[in-house]
Amino acid sequence: MFLAHEVGDWRVPSPEDLADEDALYDGVRASNVKDVEVHDDGVLLIGAFDVAVVTDYIRGSWHHPPEVKTRREEAFFSVMFEWDDGGYATVEVEF
């Protein structure tokens, strides 16, 4: 999965309202896998995790620092490991 991230085989939405953009990469890990499907030419991992989405930006004032309000949403991912050409992974994340 790290190699897929480095090579650029990640299909990940990049919404401006994510509280932490790295949360999408951190959420795709083995502990979040819910289902494994074995195919002739590879393995498909399917899973889900929670991600924080910004709902409101509150401007700061002299007495109060700026604040960001968030809500939790479930993000879904699929990782396809294929054995062609030495093996590679394609990752899709959506929510």
N, C-alpha and C. Protein backbone atom coordinates (compact mmCIF):
# COMPACT_ATOMS: atom_id res chain seq x y z
N MET A 1 0.83 -1.19 0.00
CA MET A 1 0.00 0.00 0.00
C MET A 1 0.87 1.25 0.00
N PHE A 2 2.00 1.18 0.71
CA PHE A 2 2.92 2.32 0.70
C PHE A 2 3.44 2.59 -0.70
N LEU A 3 3.76 1.51 -1.43
CA LEU A 3 4.26 1.66 -2.80
C LEU A 3 3.18 2.27 -3.69
N ALA A 4 1.93 1.87 -3.52
CA ALA A 4 0.85 2.47 -4.31
C ALA A 4 0.75 3.96 -4.04
N HIS A 5 0.95 4.35 -2.79
CA HIS A 5 0.92 5.76 -2.43
C HIS A 5 2.08 6.51 -3.09
N GLU A 6 3.27 5.92 -3.06
CA GLU A 6 4.45 6.57 -3.63
C GLU A 6 4.39 6.65 -5.16
N VAL A 7 3.90 5.60 -5.80
CA VAL A 7 3.86 5.55 -7.26
C VAL A 7 2.71 6.40 -7.79
N GLY A 8 1.68 6.59 -7.01
CA GLY A 8 0.57 7.42 -7.45
C GLY A 8 -0.63 6.64 -7.93
N ASP A 9 -0.74 5.37 -7.56
CA ASP A 9 -1.90 4.57 -7.94
C ASP A 9 -3.04 4.70 -6.94
N TRP A 10 -3.12 5.83 -6.26
CA TRP A 10 -4.21 6.09 -5.32
C TRP A 10 -5.25 6.93 -6.00
N ARG A 11 -6.49 6.52 -5.93
CA ARG A 11 -7.60 7.35 -6.40
C ARG A 11 -8.32 7.83 -5.15
N VAL A 12 -7.97 9.02 -4.73
CA VAL A 12 -8.45 9.55 -3.46
C VAL A 12 -9.07 10.92 -3.69
N PRO A 13 -10.28 11.14 -3.20
CA PRO A 13 -10.84 12.49 -3.30
C PRO A 13 -10.04 13.43 -2.42
N SER A 14 -9.89 14.66 -2.84
CA SER A 14 -9.17 15.62 -2.01
C SER A 14 -10.09 16.79 -1.69
N PRO A 15 -11.12 16.54 -0.90
CA PRO A 15 -12.03 17.63 -0.56
C PRO A 15 -11.37 18.63 0.36
N GLU A 16 -11.75 19.87 0.20
CA GLU A 16 -11.17 20.94 1.01
C GLU A 16 -11.66 20.87 2.44
N ASP A 17 -12.76 20.13 2.69
CA ASP A 17 -13.35 20.14 4.02
C ASP A 17 -12.88 18.98 4.90
N LEU A 18 -11.77 18.34 4.53
CA LEU A 18 -11.20 17.31 5.41
C LEU A 18 -10.39 17.98 6.50
N ALA A 19 -10.57 17.55 7.74
CA ALA A 19 -9.81 18.15 8.83
C ALA A 19 -8.33 17.79 8.73
N ASP A 20 -8.02 16.58 8.27
CA ASP A 20 -6.63 16.13 8.15
C ASP A 20 -6.52 15.31 6.87
N GLU A 21 -5.86 15.85 5.86
CA GLU A 21 -5.77 15.17 4.58
C GLU A 21 -5.02 13.84 4.68
N ASP A 22 -4.08 13.72 5.61
CA ASP A 22 -3.35 12.48 5.78
C ASP A 22 -4.20 11.37 6.40
N ALA A 23 -5.37 11.73 6.95
CA ALA A 23 -6.23 10.72 7.56
C ALA A 23 -6.69 9.70 6.54
N LEU A 24 -6.81 10.09 5.28
CA LEU A 24 -7.20 9.13 4.25
C LEU A 24 -6.12 8.10 4.04
N TYR A 25 -4.87 8.53 4.06
CA TYR A 25 -3.77 7.58 3.89
C TYR A 25 -3.58 6.74 5.15
N ASP A 26 -3.77 7.34 6.31
CA ASP A 26 -3.60 6.61 7.57
C ASP A 26 -4.71 5.59 7.78
N GLY A 27 -5.90 5.86 7.24
CA GLY A 27 -7.04 4.97 7.44
C GLY A 27 -6.97 3.69 6.64
N VAL A 28 -6.21 3.69 5.56
CA VAL A 28 -6.07 2.49 4.73
C VAL A 28 -4.97 1.63 5.34
N ARG A 29 -5.38 0.73 6.22
CA ARG A 29 -4.42 -0.16 6.88
C ARG A 29 -5.10 -1.50 7.16
N ALA A 30 -4.30 -2.46 7.49
CA ALA A 30 -4.80 -3.83 7.64
C ALA A 30 -5.87 -3.95 8.72
N SER A 31 -5.77 -3.18 9.79
CA SER A 31 -6.75 -3.30 10.88
C SER A 31 -8.14 -2.82 10.46
N ASN A 32 -8.25 -2.07 9.37
CA ASN A 32 -9.54 -1.57 8.91
C ASN A 32 -10.14 -2.41 7.78
N VAL A 33 -9.48 -3.49 7.39
CA VAL A 33 -9.99 -4.35 6.32
C VAL A 33 -11.15 -5.18 6.85
N LYS A 34 -12.29 -5.15 6.13
CA LYS A 34 -13.49 -5.89 6.54
C LYS A 34 -13.72 -7.14 5.70
N ASP A 35 -13.21 -7.14 4.46
CA ASP A 35 -13.47 -8.25 3.57
C ASP A 35 -12.28 -8.48 2.65
N VAL A 36 -11.99 -9.73 2.36
CA VAL A 36 -10.90 -10.09 1.45
C VAL A 36 -11.46 -11.01 0.38
N GLU A 37 -11.25 -10.65 -0.89
CA GLU A 37 -11.68 -11.47 -2.01
C GLU A 37 -10.46 -11.90 -2.80
N VAL A 38 -10.34 -13.19 -3.04
CA VAL A 38 -9.21 -13.71 -3.80
C VAL A 38 -9.66 -13.97 -5.23
N HIS A 39 -8.96 -13.39 -6.19
CA HIS A 39 -9.24 -13.58 -7.61
C HIS A 39 -8.06 -14.31 -8.24
N ASP A 40 -8.22 -14.71 -9.50
CA ASP A 40 -7.15 -15.44 -10.19
C ASP A 40 -5.87 -14.62 -10.28
N ASP A 41 -6.02 -13.33 -10.53
CA ASP A 41 -4.84 -12.50 -10.76
C ASP A 41 -4.51 -11.55 -9.62
N GLY A 42 -5.17 -11.69 -8.48
CA GLY A 42 -4.87 -10.78 -7.39
C GLY A 42 -5.78 -10.96 -6.19
N VAL A 43 -5.66 -10.02 -5.27
CA VAL A 43 -6.44 -10.02 -4.04
C VAL A 43 -7.07 -8.64 -3.87
N LEU A 44 -8.35 -8.61 -3.52
CA LEU A 44 -9.07 -7.36 -3.29
C LEU A 44 -9.38 -7.24 -1.81
N LEU A 45 -8.91 -6.15 -1.20
CA LEU A 45 -9.20 -5.85 0.21
C LEU A 45 -10.21 -4.72 0.26
N ILE A 46 -11.26 -4.88 1.07
CA ILE A 46 -12.30 -3.87 1.19
C ILE A 46 -12.42 -3.51 2.67
N GLY A 47 -12.52 -2.23 2.97
CA GLY A 47 -12.62 -1.82 4.36
C GLY A 47 -13.22 -0.44 4.53
N ALA A 48 -13.26 0.00 5.77
CA ALA A 48 -13.85 1.30 6.10
C ALA A 48 -13.16 1.86 7.34
N PHE A 49 -13.24 3.18 7.47
CA PHE A 49 -12.69 3.86 8.65
C PHE A 49 -13.37 5.20 8.78
N ASP A 50 -13.25 5.81 9.95
CA ASP A 50 -13.85 7.12 10.21
C ASP A 50 -12.86 8.22 9.87
N VAL A 51 -13.39 9.32 9.34
CA VAL A 51 -12.56 10.48 9.00
C VAL A 51 -13.29 11.74 9.47
N ALA A 52 -12.55 12.74 9.89
CA ALA A 52 -13.14 14.00 10.36
C ALA A 52 -13.34 14.95 9.18
N VAL A 53 -14.57 15.45 9.04
CA VAL A 53 -14.91 16.40 7.98
C VAL A 53 -15.29 17.72 8.64
N VAL A 54 -14.74 18.80 8.12
CA VAL A 54 -14.99 20.12 8.70
C VAL A 54 -16.41 20.57 8.37
N THR A 55 -17.14 21.00 9.39
CA THR A 55 -18.50 21.51 9.18
C THR A 55 -18.57 23.03 9.30
N ASP A 56 -17.63 23.63 10.05
CA ASP A 56 -17.70 25.07 10.25
C ASP A 56 -16.34 25.62 10.69
N TYR A 57 -16.00 26.76 10.15
CA TYR A 57 -14.82 27.51 10.58
C TYR A 57 -15.30 28.71 11.38
N ILE A 58 -14.85 28.84 12.61
CA ILE A 58 -15.23 29.98 13.45
C ILE A 58 -14.01 30.89 13.57
N ARG A 59 -14.17 32.10 13.11
CA ARG A 59 -13.06 33.05 13.14
C ARG A 59 -12.68 33.39 14.57
N GLY A 60 -11.42 33.63 14.76
CA GLY A 60 -10.93 34.00 16.08
C GLY A 60 -11.18 35.46 16.38
N SER A 61 -11.15 35.79 17.64
CA SER A 61 -11.28 37.18 18.09
C SER A 61 -10.13 37.47 19.05
N TRP A 62 -10.18 38.64 19.61
CA TRP A 62 -9.13 39.03 20.54
C TRP A 62 -9.07 38.07 21.74
N HIS A 63 -10.23 37.59 22.19
CA HIS A 63 -10.30 36.77 23.39
C HIS A 63 -10.38 35.26 23.10
N HIS A 64 -10.75 34.89 21.87
CA HIS A 64 -10.94 33.47 21.56
C HIS A 64 -10.15 33.10 20.30
N PRO A 65 -9.45 31.99 20.35
CA PRO A 65 -8.71 31.55 19.16
C PRO A 65 -9.68 31.03 18.09
N PRO A 66 -9.23 30.95 16.84
CA PRO A 66 -10.10 30.38 15.80
C PRO A 66 -10.42 28.92 16.13
N GLU A 67 -11.56 28.47 15.66
CA GLU A 67 -12.01 27.12 15.98
C GLU A 67 -12.54 26.45 14.71
N VAL A 68 -12.32 25.16 14.63
CA VAL A 68 -12.82 24.36 13.52
C VAL A 68 -13.72 23.28 14.08
N LYS A 69 -14.97 23.24 13.62
CA LYS A 69 -15.91 22.20 14.07
C LYS A 69 -15.92 21.09 13.02
N THR A 70 -15.91 19.86 13.50
CA THR A 70 -15.87 18.71 12.60
C THR A 70 -16.97 17.70 12.95
N ARG A 71 -17.23 16.81 12.02
CA ARG A 71 -18.10 15.67 12.28
C ARG A 71 -17.40 14.43 11.70
N ARG A 72 -17.75 13.27 12.21
CA ARG A 72 -17.14 12.02 11.75
C ARG A 72 -17.97 11.45 10.61
N GLU A 73 -17.29 11.04 9.55
CA GLU A 73 -17.95 10.34 8.44
C GLU A 73 -17.19 9.07 8.16
N GLU A 74 -17.90 8.10 7.61
CA GLU A 74 -17.26 6.83 7.28
C GLU A 74 -16.70 6.90 5.86
N ALA A 75 -15.45 6.54 5.73
CA ALA A 75 -14.79 6.46 4.42
C ALA A 75 -14.60 4.99 4.08
N PHE A 76 -14.75 4.66 2.82
CA PHE A 76 -14.61 3.28 2.35
C PHE A 76 -13.42 3.19 1.41
N PHE A 77 -12.72 2.07 1.45
CA PHE A 77 -11.58 1.91 0.56
C PHE A 77 -11.55 0.50 -0.02
N SER A 78 -10.89 0.41 -1.16
CA SER A 78 -10.61 -0.90 -1.75
C SER A 78 -9.17 -0.87 -2.24
N VAL A 79 -8.49 -1.97 -2.00
CA VAL A 79 -7.10 -2.12 -2.43
C VAL A 79 -7.04 -3.38 -3.29
N MET A 80 -6.62 -3.23 -4.53
CA MET A 80 -6.48 -4.37 -5.43
C MET A 80 -5.01 -4.66 -5.65
N PHE A 81 -4.56 -5.80 -5.14
CA PHE A 81 -3.19 -6.26 -5.40
C PHE A 81 -3.24 -7.17 -6.61
N GLU A 82 -2.45 -6.85 -7.63
CA GLU A 82 -2.40 -7.68 -8.82
C GLU A 82 -0.98 -8.17 -9.02
N TRP A 83 -0.85 -9.36 -9.57
CA TRP A 83 0.45 -10.01 -9.67
C TRP A 83 1.13 -9.77 -11.01
N ASP A 84 0.48 -9.11 -11.96
CA ASP A 84 1.09 -8.85 -13.27
C ASP A 84 2.29 -7.92 -13.12
N ASP A 85 3.27 -8.08 -13.99
CA ASP A 85 4.43 -7.18 -14.04
C ASP A 85 5.12 -7.03 -12.69
N GLY A 86 5.25 -8.10 -11.95
CA GLY A 86 5.96 -8.03 -10.68
C GLY A 86 5.09 -7.63 -9.51
N GLY A 87 3.85 -7.30 -9.76
CA GLY A 87 2.92 -6.97 -8.70
C GLY A 87 2.77 -5.48 -8.46
N TYR A 88 1.55 -5.03 -8.26
CA TYR A 88 1.28 -3.63 -7.94
C TYR A 88 -0.07 -3.55 -7.24
N ALA A 89 -0.33 -2.40 -6.65
CA ALA A 89 -1.58 -2.20 -5.92
C ALA A 89 -2.26 -0.93 -6.41
N THR A 90 -3.58 -1.00 -6.53
CA THR A 90 -4.39 0.16 -6.85
C THR A 90 -5.33 0.40 -5.67
N VAL A 91 -5.39 1.62 -5.20
CA VAL A 91 -6.18 1.95 -4.03
C VAL A 91 -7.23 3.00 -4.40
N GLU A 92 -8.48 2.78 -3.96
CA GLU A 92 -9.55 3.77 -4.13
C GLU A 92 -10.15 4.06 -2.77
N VAL A 93 -10.33 5.34 -2.49
CA VAL A 93 -10.95 5.77 -1.22
C VAL A 93 -12.11 6.68 -1.57
N GLU A 94 -13.25 6.46 -0.95
CA GLU A 94 -14.41 7.34 -1.17
C GLU A 94 -15.20 7.45 0.13
N PHE A 95 -15.97 8.52 0.24
CA PHE A 95 -16.83 8.69 1.40
C PHE A 95 -18.01 9.55 1.05
